[in-house]
Protein backbone atom coordinates (compact mmCIF):
# COMPACT_ATOMS: atom_id res chain seq x y z
CA UNK A 1 0.00 0.00 0.00
CA UNK A 2 1.25 3.46 -0.85
CA UNK A 3 1.07 6.70 1.10
CA UNK A 4 1.42 10.29 -0.08
CA UNK A 5 4.31 11.74 1.88
CA UNK A 6 4.82 15.09 0.15
CA UNK A 7 3.36 17.47 -2.41
CA UNK A 8 4.49 20.76 -3.89
CA UNK A 9 3.93 23.12 -6.79
CA UNK A 10 7.72 23.35 -7.23
CA UNK A 11 9.28 20.70 -9.49
CA UNK A 12 12.68 21.53 -7.96
CA UNK A 13 11.47 20.78 -4.41
CA UNK A 14 9.91 17.52 -5.60
CA UNK A 15 13.17 16.51 -7.30
CA UNK A 16 15.11 17.35 -4.14
CA UNK A 17 12.72 15.27 -2.03
CA UNK A 18 13.06 12.33 -4.45
CA UNK A 19 16.84 12.58 -4.22
CA UNK A 20 16.84 12.62 -0.41
CA UNK A 21 14.52 9.62 -0.26
CA UNK A 22 16.60 7.71 -2.80
CA UNK A 23 19.79 8.41 -0.83
CA UNK A 24 18.06 6.95 2.24
CA UNK A 25 17.06 3.82 0.32
CA UNK A 26 13.36 4.71 0.21
CA UNK A 27 11.71 4.02 -3.15
CA UNK A 28 9.34 6.76 -4.28
CA UNK A 29 7.42 7.91 -7.32
CA UNK A 30 5.53 11.04 -8.21
CA UNK A 31 2.24 11.94 -9.83
CA UNK A 32 2.09 15.28 -11.59
CA UNK A 33 -1.32 16.89 -11.11
CA UNK A 34 -0.30 20.26 -12.53
CA UNK A 35 -2.71 21.81 -15.04
CA UNK A 36 -0.67 22.28 -18.21
CA UNK A 37 -3.41 24.28 -19.94
CA UNK A 38 -3.04 27.16 -17.49
CA UNK A 39 0.78 27.29 -17.44
CA UNK A 40 1.05 25.15 -14.27
CA UNK A 41 -0.88 27.68 -12.17
CA UNK A 42 -3.24 25.05 -10.73
CA UNK A 43 -2.40 21.73 -9.13
CA UNK A 44 0.68 20.17 -7.60
CA UNK A 45 3.06 17.22 -7.80
CA UNK A 46 2.69 14.41 -5.25
CA UNK A 47 5.31 11.95 -3.98
CA UNK A 48 4.25 8.48 -2.90
CA UNK A 49 6.18 5.89 -0.89
CA UNK A 50 5.40 2.54 0.69
CA UNK A 51 3.41 2.98 3.88
CA UNK A 52 6.02 1.17 5.99
CA UNK A 53 8.60 3.85 5.05
CA UNK A 54 6.38 6.79 6.05
CA UNK A 55 7.90 7.63 9.45
CA UNK A 56 11.46 7.46 8.17
CA UNK A 57 10.62 9.46 5.03
CA UNK A 58 8.84 12.23 6.93
CA UNK A 59 11.75 12.51 9.36
CA UNK A 60 14.23 12.82 6.47
CA UNK A 61 12.15 15.49 4.72
CA UNK A 62 11.57 17.42 7.97
CA UNK A 63 15.28 17.41 8.80
CA UNK A 64 16.00 18.78 5.31
CA UNK A 65 13.32 21.44 5.96
CA UNK A 66 11.32 20.32 2.94
CA UNK A 67 8.18 19.50 4.94
C-alpha atoms as a PDB file:
ATOM      1  CA  UNK A   1       0.000   0.000   0.000  1.00  0.00           C
ATOM      2  CA  UNK A   2       1.248   3.462  -0.853  1.00  0.00           C
ATOM      3  CA  UNK A   3       1.071   6.698   1.097  1.00  0.00           C
ATOM      4  CA  UNK A   4       1.419  10.290  -0.080  1.00  0.00           C
ATOM      5  CA  UNK A   5       4.308  11.736   1.882  1.00  0.00           C
ATOM      6  CA  UNK A   6       4.819  15.086   0.149  1.00  0.00           C
ATOM      7  CA  UNK A   7       3.359  17.474  -2.411  1.00  0.00           C
ATOM      8  CA  UNK A   8       4.490  20.758  -3.889  1.00  0.00           C
ATOM      9  CA  UNK A   9       3.934  23.119  -6.793  1.00  0.00           C
ATOM     10  CA  UNK A  10       7.724  23.346  -7.231  1.00  0.00           C
ATOM     11  CA  UNK A  11       9.283  20.697  -9.489  1.00  0.00           C
ATOM     12  CA  UNK A  12      12.679  21.526  -7.955  1.00  0.00           C
ATOM     13  CA  UNK A  13      11.466  20.780  -4.409  1.00  0.00           C
ATOM     14  CA  UNK A  14       9.907  17.519  -5.598  1.00  0.00           C
ATOM     15  CA  UNK A  15      13.168  16.510  -7.298  1.00  0.00           C
ATOM     16  CA  UNK A  16      15.114  17.350  -4.144  1.00  0.00           C
ATOM     17  CA  UNK A  17      12.716  15.269  -2.029  1.00  0.00           C
ATOM     18  CA  UNK A  18      13.058  12.331  -4.448  1.00  0.00           C
ATOM     19  CA  UNK A  19      16.837  12.582  -4.221  1.00  0.00           C
ATOM     20  CA  UNK A  20      16.843  12.620  -0.408  1.00  0.00           C
ATOM     21  CA  UNK A  21      14.518   9.620  -0.256  1.00  0.00           C
ATOM     22  CA  UNK A  22      16.602   7.711  -2.800  1.00  0.00           C
ATOM     23  CA  UNK A  23      19.791   8.410  -0.829  1.00  0.00           C
ATOM     24  CA  UNK A  24      18.061   6.946   2.245  1.00  0.00           C
ATOM     25  CA  UNK A  25      17.059   3.820   0.319  1.00  0.00           C
ATOM     26  CA  UNK A  26      13.356   4.706   0.211  1.00  0.00           C
ATOM     27  CA  UNK A  27      11.710   4.021  -3.148  1.00  0.00           C
ATOM     28  CA  UNK A  28       9.341   6.762  -4.283  1.00  0.00           C
ATOM     29  CA  UNK A  29       7.421   7.910  -7.321  1.00  0.00           C
ATOM     30  CA  UNK A  30       5.534  11.041  -8.206  1.00  0.00           C
ATOM     31  CA  UNK A  31       2.238  11.938  -9.826  1.00  0.00           C
ATOM     32  CA  UNK A  32       2.095  15.276 -11.594  1.00  0.00           C
ATOM     33  CA  UNK A  33      -1.322  16.887 -11.114  1.00  0.00           C
ATOM     34  CA  UNK A  34      -0.299  20.261 -12.534  1.00  0.00           C
ATOM     35  CA  UNK A  35      -2.709  21.814 -15.036  1.00  0.00           C
ATOM     36  CA  UNK A  36      -0.674  22.284 -18.212  1.00  0.00           C
ATOM     37  CA  UNK A  37      -3.410  24.277 -19.942  1.00  0.00           C
ATOM     38  CA  UNK A  38      -3.043  27.155 -17.487  1.00  0.00           C
ATOM     39  CA  UNK A  39       0.783  27.287 -17.438  1.00  0.00           C
ATOM     40  CA  UNK A  40       1.055  25.146 -14.269  1.00  0.00           C
ATOM     41  CA  UNK A  41      -0.881  27.683 -12.166  1.00  0.00           C
ATOM     42  CA  UNK A  42      -3.242  25.053 -10.735  1.00  0.00           C
ATOM     43  CA  UNK A  43      -2.404  21.734  -9.133  1.00  0.00           C
ATOM     44  CA  UNK A  44       0.684  20.173  -7.598  1.00  0.00           C
ATOM     45  CA  UNK A  45       3.062  17.218  -7.798  1.00  0.00           C
ATOM     46  CA  UNK A  46       2.686  14.410  -5.249  1.00  0.00           C
ATOM     47  CA  UNK A  47       5.312  11.954  -3.983  1.00  0.00           C
ATOM     48  CA  UNK A  48       4.249   8.484  -2.897  1.00  0.00           C
ATOM     49  CA  UNK A  49       6.178   5.892  -0.892  1.00  0.00           C
ATOM     50  CA  UNK A  50       5.405   2.537   0.686  1.00  0.00           C
ATOM     51  CA  UNK A  51       3.411   2.979   3.882  1.00  0.00           C
ATOM     52  CA  UNK A  52       6.016   1.169   5.991  1.00  0.00           C
ATOM     53  CA  UNK A  53       8.605   3.850   5.051  1.00  0.00           C
ATOM     54  CA  UNK A  54       6.382   6.793   6.049  1.00  0.00           C
ATOM     55  CA  UNK A  55       7.897   7.628   9.454  1.00  0.00           C
ATOM     56  CA  UNK A  56      11.465   7.461   8.171  1.00  0.00           C
ATOM     57  CA  UNK A  57      10.623   9.464   5.030  1.00  0.00           C
ATOM     58  CA  UNK A  58       8.838  12.225   6.928  1.00  0.00           C
ATOM     59  CA  UNK A  59      11.753  12.508   9.362  1.00  0.00           C
ATOM     60  CA  UNK A  60      14.231  12.824   6.471  1.00  0.00           C
ATOM     61  CA  UNK A  61      12.147  15.490   4.724  1.00  0.00           C
ATOM     62  CA  UNK A  62      11.575  17.417   7.965  1.00  0.00           C
ATOM     63  CA  UNK A  63      15.278  17.409   8.800  1.00  0.00           C
ATOM     64  CA  UNK A  64      16.002  18.777   5.314  1.00  0.00           C
ATOM     65  CA  UNK A  65      13.323  21.439   5.960  1.00  0.00           C
ATOM     66  CA  UNK A  66      11.318  20.324   2.942  1.00  0.00           C
ATOM     67  CA  UNK A  67       8.181  19.499   4.937  1.00  0.00           C
END
